[in-house]
Amino acid sequence: EAASSGDFSIDGVAGTAARVQLDFINP
């Protein structure tokens, strides 16, 4: 299953979670 726990945080969301990298190809 996709991991939910991790040490990465984003502004606007409380706490930390697993990091998701998004690469937009020829956007």
PDB file of all heavy atoms in Angstrom:
ATOM      1  N   GLU A   1       0.834  -1.192   0.000  1.00  0.00           N
ATOM      2  CA  GLU A   1       0.000   0.000   0.000  1.00  0.00           C
ATOM      3  C   GLU A   1       0.873   1.249   0.000  1.00  0.00           C
ATOM      4  O   GLU A   1       2.027   1.214   0.440  1.00  0.00           O
ATOM      5  CB  GLU A   1      -0.922   0.027   1.221  1.00  0.00           C
ATOM      6  CG  GLU A   1      -1.930  -1.105   1.267  1.00  0.00           C
ATOM      7  CD  GLU A   1      -2.856  -0.980   2.454  1.00  0.00           C
ATOM      8  OE1 GLU A   1      -2.573  -0.171   3.363  1.00  0.00           O
ATOM      9  OE2 GLU A   1      -3.886  -1.687   2.478  1.00  0.00           O
ATOM     10  N   ALA A   2       0.314   2.354  -0.498  1.00  0.00           N
ATOM     11  CA  ALA A   2       1.057   3.613  -0.483  1.00  0.00           C
ATOM     12  C   ALA A   2       1.339   4.027   0.952  1.00  0.00           C
ATOM     13  O   ALA A   2       0.450   3.981   1.810  1.00  0.00           O
ATOM     14  CB  ALA A   2       0.249   4.696  -1.186  1.00  0.00           C
ATOM     15  N   ALA A   3       2.570   4.406   1.212  1.00  0.00           N
ATOM     16  CA  ALA A   3       2.947   4.822   2.572  1.00  0.00           C
ATOM     17  C   ALA A   3       2.281   6.150   2.910  1.00  0.00           C
ATOM     18  O   ALA A   3       2.120   7.026   2.046  1.00  0.00           O
ATOM     19  CB  ALA A   3       4.457   4.946   2.679  1.00  0.00           C
ATOM     20  N   SER A   4       1.877   6.288   4.155  1.00  0.00           N
ATOM     21  CA  SER A   4       1.301   7.561   4.602  1.00  0.00           C
ATOM     22  C   SER A   4       2.236   8.290   5.556  1.00  0.00           C
ATOM     23  O   SER A   4       2.300   9.519   5.561  1.00  0.00           O
ATOM     24  CB  SER A   4      -0.048   7.329   5.287  1.00  0.00           C
ATOM     25  OG  SER A   4       0.101   6.467   6.411  1.00  0.00           O
ATOM     26  N   SER A   5       2.985   7.544   6.360  1.00  0.00           N
ATOM     27  CA  SER A   5       3.881   8.159   7.344  1.00  0.00           C
ATOM     28  C   SER A   5       5.229   8.505   6.718  1.00  0.00           C
ATOM     29  O   SER A   5       5.715   7.797   5.833  1.00  0.00           O
ATOM     30  CB  SER A   5       4.097   7.214   8.530  1.00  0.00           C
ATOM     31  OG  SER A   5       2.873   6.941   9.172  1.00  0.00           O
ATOM     32  N   GLY A   6       5.798   9.598   7.189  1.00  0.00           N
ATOM     33  CA  GLY A   6       7.105  10.019   6.703  1.00  0.00           C
ATOM     34  C   GLY A   6       7.529  11.289   7.397  1.00  0.00           C
ATOM     35  O   GLY A   6       6.843  11.786   8.281  1.00  0.00           O
ATOM     36  N   ASP A   7       8.676  11.830   6.983  1.00  0.00           N
ATOM     37  CA  ASP A   7       9.211  13.011   7.648  1.00  0.00           C
ATOM     38  C   ASP A   7       9.149  14.256   6.777  1.00  0.00           C
ATOM     39  O   ASP A   7       9.805  15.254   7.053  1.00  0.00           O
ATOM     40  CB  ASP A   7      10.657  12.761   8.089  1.00  0.00           C
ATOM     41  CG  ASP A   7      11.566  12.385   6.918  1.00  0.00           C
ATOM     42  OD1 ASP A   7      11.090  12.402   5.758  1.00  0.00           O
ATOM     43  OD2 ASP A   7      12.745  12.069   7.168  1.00  0.00           O
ATOM     44  N   PHE A   8       8.340  14.206   5.721  1.00  0.00           N
ATOM     45  CA  PHE A   8       8.247  15.340   4.797  1.00  0.00           C
ATOM     46  C   PHE A   8       6.998  16.157   5.119  1.00  0.00           C
ATOM     47  O   PHE A   8       5.935  15.597   5.393  1.00  0.00           O
ATOM     48  CB  PHE A   8       8.185  14.848   3.350  1.00  0.00           C
ATOM     49  CG  PHE A   8       8.278  15.952   2.327  1.00  0.00           C
ATOM     50  CD1 PHE A   8       9.470  16.614   2.117  1.00  0.00           C
ATOM     51  CD2 PHE A   8       7.172  16.316   1.580  1.00  0.00           C
ATOM     52  CE1 PHE A   8       9.570  17.628   1.171  1.00  0.00           C
ATOM     53  CE2 PHE A   8       7.255  17.324   0.624  1.00  0.00           C
ATOM     54  CZ  PHE A   8       8.455  17.982   0.421  1.00  0.00           C
ATOM     55  N   SER A   9       7.127  17.467   5.095  1.00  0.00           N
ATOM     56  CA  SER A   9       5.984  18.322   5.393  1.00  0.00           C
ATOM     57  C   SER A   9       5.798  19.358   4.298  1.00  0.00           C
ATOM     58  O   SER A   9       6.754  19.725   3.595  1.00  0.00           O
ATOM     59  CB  SER A   9       6.165  19.024   6.740  1.00  0.00           C
ATOM     60  OG  SER A   9       7.271  19.914   6.691  1.00  0.00           O
ATOM     61  N   ILE A  10       4.561  19.803   4.132  1.00  0.00           N
ATOM     62  CA  ILE A  10       4.262  20.880   3.196  1.00  0.00           C
ATOM     63  C   ILE A  10       3.469  21.948   3.939  1.00  0.00           C
ATOM     64  O   ILE A  10       2.674  21.640   4.830  1.00  0.00           O
ATOM     65  CB  ILE A  10       3.476  20.391   1.955  1.00  0.00           C
ATOM     66  CG1 ILE A  10       2.146  19.752   2.365  1.00  0.00           C
ATOM     67  CG2 ILE A  10       4.307  19.421   1.145  1.00  0.00           C
ATOM     68  CD1 ILE A  10       1.266  19.377   1.177  1.00  0.00           C
ATOM     69  N   ASP A  11       3.712  23.201   3.597  1.00  0.00           N
ATOM     70  CA  ASP A  11       2.985  24.286   4.241  1.00  0.00           C
ATOM     71  C   ASP A  11       1.508  24.207   3.880  1.00  0.00           C
ATOM     72  O   ASP A  11       1.137  23.963   2.734  1.00  0.00           O
ATOM     73  CB  ASP A  11       3.557  25.640   3.806  1.00  0.00           C
ATOM     74  CG  ASP A  11       4.933  25.893   4.405  1.00  0.00           C
ATOM     75  OD1 ASP A  11       5.150  25.494   5.558  1.00  0.00           O
ATOM     76  OD2 ASP A  11       5.775  26.491   3.712  1.00  0.00           O
ATOM     77  N   GLY A  12       0.679  24.422   4.886  1.00  0.00           N
ATOM     78  CA  GLY A  12      -0.765  24.346   4.695  1.00  0.00           C
ATOM     79  C   GLY A  12      -1.372  23.053   5.198  1.00  0.00           C
ATOM     80  O   GLY A  12      -2.590  22.932   5.310  1.00  0.00           O
ATOM     81  N   VAL A  13      -0.529  22.043   5.503  1.00  0.00           N
ATOM     82  CA  VAL A  13      -1.001  20.756   6.022  1.00  0.00           C
ATOM     83  C   VAL A  13      -0.250  20.459   7.315  1.00  0.00           C
ATOM     84  O   VAL A  13       0.990  20.478   7.343  1.00  0.00           O
ATOM     85  CB  VAL A  13      -0.766  19.611   5.007  1.00  0.00           C
ATOM     86  CG1 VAL A  13      -1.231  18.278   5.590  1.00  0.00           C
ATOM     87  CG2 VAL A  13      -1.503  19.895   3.704  1.00  0.00           C
ATOM     88  N   ALA A  14      -0.989  20.167   8.370  1.00  0.00           N
ATOM     89  CA  ALA A  14      -0.359  19.887   9.662  1.00  0.00           C
ATOM     90  C   ALA A  14       0.381  18.552   9.633  1.00  0.00           C
ATOM     91  O   ALA A  14      -0.035  17.607   8.972  1.00  0.00           O
ATOM     92  CB  ALA A  14      -1.426  19.860  10.766  1.00  0.00           C
ATOM     93  N   GLY A  15       1.488  18.467  10.356  1.00  0.00           N
ATOM     94  CA  GLY A  15       2.210  17.206  10.514  1.00  0.00           C
ATOM     95  C   GLY A  15       3.079  16.865   9.319  1.00  0.00           C
ATOM     96  O   GLY A  15       3.287  17.664   8.406  1.00  0.00           O
ATOM     97  N   THR A  16       3.591  15.638   9.349  1.00  0.00           N
ATOM     98  CA  THR A  16       4.463  15.140   8.278  1.00  0.00           C
ATOM     99  C   THR A  16       3.867  13.892   7.647  1.00  0.00           C
ATOM    100  O   THR A  16       2.977  13.255   8.208  1.00  0.00           O
ATOM    101  CB  THR A  16       5.862  14.815   8.830  1.00  0.00           C
ATOM    102  OG1 THR A  16       5.743  13.774   9.815  1.00  0.00           O
ATOM    103  CG2 THR A  16       6.506  16.042   9.458  1.00  0.00           C
ATOM    104  N   ALA A  17       4.397  13.530   6.483  1.00  0.00           N
ATOM    105  CA  ALA A  17       3.882  12.364   5.751  1.00  0.00           C
ATOM    106  C   ALA A  17       4.943  11.896   4.771  1.00  0.00           C
ATOM    107  O   ALA A  17       6.038  12.475   4.686  1.00  0.00           O
ATOM    108  CB  ALA A  17       2.583  12.723   5.027  1.00  0.00           C
ATOM    109  N   ALA A  18       4.617  10.839   4.027  1.00  0.00           N
ATOM    110  CA  ALA A  18       5.530  10.336   3.008  1.00  0.00           C
ATOM    111  C   ALA A  18       5.581  11.314   1.836  1.00  0.00           C
ATOM    112  O   ALA A  18       4.565  11.888   1.443  1.00  0.00           O
ATOM    113  CB  ALA A  18       5.067   8.962   2.529  1.00  0.00           C
ATOM    114  N   ARG A  19       6.770  11.495   1.289  1.00  0.00           N
ATOM    115  CA  ARG A  19       6.943  12.450   0.187  1.00  0.00           C
ATOM    116  C   ARG A  19       6.503  11.835  -1.143  1.00  0.00           C
ATOM    117  O   ARG A  19       6.818  10.684  -1.449  1.00  0.00           O
ATOM    118  CB  ARG A  19       8.406  12.878   0.090  1.00  0.00           C
ATOM    119  CG  ARG A  19       8.632  14.017  -0.888  1.00  0.00           C
ATOM    120  CD  ARG A  19      10.077  14.460  -0.908  1.00  0.00           C
ATOM    121  NE  ARG A  19      10.930  13.501  -1.609  1.00  0.00           N
ATOM    122  CZ  ARG A  19      12.198  13.740  -1.925  1.00  0.00           C
ATOM    123  NH1 ARG A  19      12.753  14.888  -1.570  1.00  0.00           N
ATOM    124  NH2 ARG A  19      12.910  12.829  -2.556  1.00  0.00           N
ATOM    125  N   VAL A  20       5.794  12.630  -1.921  1.00  0.00           N
ATOM    126  CA  VAL A  20       5.381  12.242  -3.269  1.00  0.00           C
ATOM    127  C   VAL A  20       6.054  13.190  -4.246  1.00  0.00           C
ATOM    128  O   VAL A  20       5.872  14.409  -4.168  1.00  0.00           O
ATOM    129  CB  VAL A  20       3.849  12.311  -3.448  1.00  0.00           C
ATOM    130  CG1 VAL A  20       3.462  11.921  -4.872  1.00  0.00           C
ATOM    131  CG2 VAL A  20       3.142  11.422  -2.430  1.00  0.00           C
ATOM    132  N   GLN A  21       6.859  12.637  -5.161  1.00  0.00           N
ATOM    133  CA  GLN A  21       7.500  13.464  -6.185  1.00  0.00           C
ATOM    134  C   GLN A  21       6.655  13.422  -7.450  1.00  0.00           C
ATOM    135  O   GLN A  21       6.305  12.351  -7.945  1.00  0.00           O
ATOM    136  CB  GLN A  21       8.912  12.967  -6.487  1.00  0.00           C
ATOM    137  CG  GLN A  21       9.601  13.763  -7.602  1.00  0.00           C
ATOM    138  CD  GLN A  21      11.050  13.364  -7.808  1.00  0.00           C
ATOM    139  OE1 GLN A  21      11.730  12.970  -6.861  1.00  0.00           O
ATOM    140  NE2 GLN A  21      11.536  13.482  -9.038  1.00  0.00           N
ATOM    141  N   LEU A  22       6.348  14.608  -7.988  1.00  0.00           N
ATOM    142  CA  LEU A  22       5.552  14.712  -9.207  1.00  0.00           C
ATOM    143  C   LEU A  22       6.387  15.372 -10.290  1.00  0.00           C
ATOM    144  O   LEU A  22       6.839  16.512 -10.136  1.00  0.00           O
ATOM    145  CB  LEU A  22       4.290  15.534  -8.953  1.00  0.00           C
ATOM    146  CG  LEU A  22       3.303  14.973  -7.928  1.00  0.00           C
ATOM    147  CD1 LEU A  22       2.216  15.995  -7.621  1.00  0.00           C
ATOM    148  CD2 LEU A  22       2.686  13.668  -8.420  1.00  0.00           C
ATOM    149  N   ASP A  23       6.590  14.645 -11.376  1.00  0.00           N
ATOM    150  CA  ASP A  23       7.317  15.172 -12.529  1.00  0.00           C
ATOM    151  C   ASP A  23       6.327  15.343 -13.678  1.00  0.00           C
ATOM    152  O   ASP A  23       5.802  14.356 -14.209  1.00  0.00           O
ATOM    153  CB  ASP A  23       8.434  14.216 -12.941  1.00  0.00           C
ATOM    154  CG  ASP A  23       9.498  14.073 -11.861  1.00  0.00           C
ATOM    155  OD1 ASP A  23      10.042  15.091 -11.434  1.00  0.00           O
ATOM    156  OD2 ASP A  23       9.761  12.924 -11.440  1.00  0.00           O
ATOM    157  N   PHE A  24       6.080  16.601 -14.032  1.00  0.00           N
ATOM    158  CA  PHE A  24       5.164  16.917 -15.129  1.00  0.00           C
ATOM    159  C   PHE A  24       5.969  16.941 -16.425  1.00  0.00           C
ATOM    160  O   PHE A  24       6.861  17.773 -16.592  1.00  0.00           O
ATOM    161  CB  PHE A  24       4.497  18.268 -14.886  1.00  0.00           C
ATOM    162  CG  PHE A  24       3.537  18.277 -13.716  1.00  0.00           C
ATOM    163  CD1 PHE A  24       4.015  18.244 -12.411  1.00  0.00           C
ATOM    164  CD2 PHE A  24       2.176  18.308 -13.924  1.00  0.00           C
ATOM    165  CE1 PHE A  24       3.144  18.256 -11.327  1.00  0.00           C
ATOM    166  CE2 PHE A  24       1.288  18.315 -12.852  1.00  0.00           C
ATOM    167  CZ  PHE A  24       1.778  18.282 -11.558  1.00  0.00           C
ATOM    168  N   ILE A  25       5.645  16.040 -17.334  1.00  0.00           N
ATOM    169  CA  ILE A  25       6.422  15.883 -18.566  1.00  0.00           C
ATOM    170  C   ILE A  25       5.845  16.785 -19.662  1.00  0.00           C
ATOM    171  O   ILE A  25       4.644  16.733 -19.954  1.00  0.00           O
ATOM    172  CB  ILE A  25       6.408  14.414 -19.025  1.00  0.00           C
ATOM    173  CG1 ILE A  25       6.786  13.477 -17.861  1.00  0.00           C
ATOM    174  CG2 ILE A  25       7.350  14.221 -20.210  1.00  0.00           C
ATOM    175  CD1 ILE A  25       8.119  13.771 -17.219  1.00  0.00           C
ATOM    176  N   ASN A  26       6.712  17.609 -20.266  1.00  0.00           N
ATOM    177  CA  ASN A  26       6.284  18.543 -21.320  1.00  0.00           C
ATOM    178  C   ASN A  26       4.971  19.226 -20.954  1.00  0.00           C
ATOM    179  O   ASN A  26       3.958  19.107 -21.657  1.00  0.00           O
ATOM    180  CB  ASN A  26       6.136  17.797 -22.657  1.00  0.00           C
ATOM    181  CG  ASN A  26       7.430  17.193 -23.136  1.00  0.00           C
ATOM    182  OD1 ASN A  26       8.497  17.798 -23.004  1.00  0.00           O
ATOM    183  ND2 ASN A  26       7.359  15.989 -23.684  1.00  0.00           N
ATOM    184  N   PRO A  27       4.955  19.970 -19.848  1.00  0.00           N
ATOM    185  CA  PRO A  27       3.688  20.500 -19.337  1.00  0.00           C
ATOM    186  C   PRO A  27       3.140  21.713 -20.081  1.00  0.00           C
ATOM    187  O   PRO A  27       1.992  22.107 -19.851  1.00  0.00           O
ATOM    188  CB  PRO A  27       4.047  20.886 -17.898  1.00  0.00           C
ATOM    189  CG  PRO A  27       5.493  21.251 -17.971  1.00  0.00           C
ATOM    190  CD  PRO A  27       6.093  20.310 -18.974  1.00  0.00           C
TER     191      PRO A  27
END
